[in-house]
Amino acid sequence: MPEVKDTAQGSAATVAPSMKFKDMSVLQKLTFIGKATLCVLTFGFAFPNIFMD
């Protein structure tokens, strides 16, 4: 089970850690690279929060 980080006081939600690039499957890596490329080519209008972590 993945570790869960604590959240701010009063928050009912828990923060699940994001998957690291090295732990992704080949298909997930290709999808991420495609989304990142599209984000850069559209100056952030497509997938604006892809790099938020």
C-alpha atoms as a PDB file:
ATOM      1  CA  MET A   1       0.000   0.000   0.000  1.00  0.00           C
ATOM      2  CA  PRO A   2       1.458   3.419  -0.918  1.00  0.00           C
ATOM      3  CA  GLU A   3       2.441   5.782   1.818  1.00  0.00           C
ATOM      4  CA  VAL A   4       0.037   8.638   2.473  1.00  0.00           C
ATOM      5  CA  LYS A   5       1.315  12.093   3.381  1.00  0.00           C
ATOM      6  CA  ASP A   6      -0.397  14.210   5.997  1.00  0.00           C
ATOM      7  CA  THR A   7      -2.497  17.144   4.839  1.00  0.00           C
ATOM      8  CA  ALA A   8      -3.254  20.518   6.351  1.00  0.00           C
ATOM      9  CA  GLN A   9      -5.286  20.660   9.520  1.00  0.00           C
ATOM     10  CA  GLY A  10      -9.009  20.561   8.816  1.00  0.00           C
ATOM     11  CA  SER A  11      -8.592  18.798   5.498  1.00  0.00           C
ATOM     12  CA  ALA A  12     -10.533  15.568   5.143  1.00  0.00           C
ATOM     13  CA  ALA A  13      -8.604  14.501   2.046  1.00  0.00           C
ATOM     14  CA  THR A  14      -5.313  12.652   2.050  1.00  0.00           C
ATOM     15  CA  VAL A  15      -2.544  13.310  -0.423  1.00  0.00           C
ATOM     16  CA  ALA A  16      -1.403  10.271  -2.369  1.00  0.00           C
ATOM     17  CA  PRO A  17       2.194  10.494  -3.578  1.00  0.00           C
ATOM     18  CA  SER A  18       2.600  10.800  -7.320  1.00  0.00           C
ATOM     19  CA  MET A  19       4.206   8.009  -9.303  1.00  0.00           C
ATOM     20  CA  LYS A  20       7.846   8.553 -10.194  1.00  0.00           C
ATOM     21  CA  PHE A  21       8.858   8.429 -13.857  1.00  0.00           C
ATOM     22  CA  LYS A  22      11.207   5.484 -13.265  1.00  0.00           C
ATOM     23  CA  ASP A  23       8.319   3.458 -11.780  1.00  0.00           C
ATOM     24  CA  MET A  24       5.981   3.994 -14.758  1.00  0.00           C
ATOM     25  CA  SER A  25       5.350   1.361 -17.412  1.00  0.00           C
ATOM     26  CA  VAL A  26       6.445   1.999 -20.995  1.00  0.00           C
ATOM     27  CA  LEU A  27       2.920   3.005 -22.053  1.00  0.00           C
ATOM     28  CA  GLN A  28       2.605   5.411 -19.110  1.00  0.00           C
ATOM     29  CA  LYS A  29       5.981   6.954 -19.976  1.00  0.00           C
ATOM     30  CA  LEU A  30       4.953   7.439 -23.621  1.00  0.00           C
ATOM     31  CA  THR A  31       1.654   9.009 -22.540  1.00  0.00           C
ATOM     32  CA  PHE A  32       3.417  11.383 -20.151  1.00  0.00           C
ATOM     33  CA  ILE A  33       6.002  12.398 -22.752  1.00  0.00           C
ATOM     34  CA  GLY A  34       3.221  12.965 -25.316  1.00  0.00           C
ATOM     35  CA  LYS A  35       1.241  15.132 -22.897  1.00  0.00           C
ATOM     36  CA  ALA A  36       4.361  17.075 -21.911  1.00  0.00           C
ATOM     37  CA  THR A  37       5.247  17.673 -25.571  1.00  0.00           C
ATOM     38  CA  LEU A  38       1.713  18.831 -26.360  1.00  0.00           C
ATOM     39  CA  CYS A  39       1.777  21.121 -23.316  1.00  0.00           C
ATOM     40  CA  VAL A  40       5.035  22.736 -24.468  1.00  0.00           C
ATOM     41  CA  LEU A  41       3.851  23.087 -28.083  1.00  0.00           C
ATOM     42  CA  THR A  42       0.599  24.798 -27.022  1.00  0.00           C
ATOM     43  CA  PHE A  43       2.378  27.041 -24.482  1.00  0.00           C
ATOM     44  CA  GLY A  44       0.565  25.377 -21.592  1.00  0.00           C
ATOM     45  CA  PHE A  45      -3.001  25.677 -22.867  1.00  0.00           C
ATOM     46  CA  ALA A  46      -3.324  21.906 -23.267  1.00  0.00           C
ATOM     47  CA  PHE A  47      -2.698  19.998 -20.009  1.00  0.00           C
ATOM     48  CA  PRO A  48      -1.721  23.115 -17.988  1.00  0.00           C
ATOM     49  CA  ASN A  49      -1.219  21.171 -14.752  1.00  0.00           C
ATOM     50  CA  ILE A  50       0.817  18.219 -16.035  1.00  0.00           C
ATOM     51  CA  PHE A  51       3.924  19.208 -14.075  1.00  0.00           C
ATOM     52  CA  MET A  52       2.130  19.993 -10.810  1.00  0.00           C
ATOM     53  CA  ASP A  53       3.252  17.669  -8.080  1.00  0.00           C
END
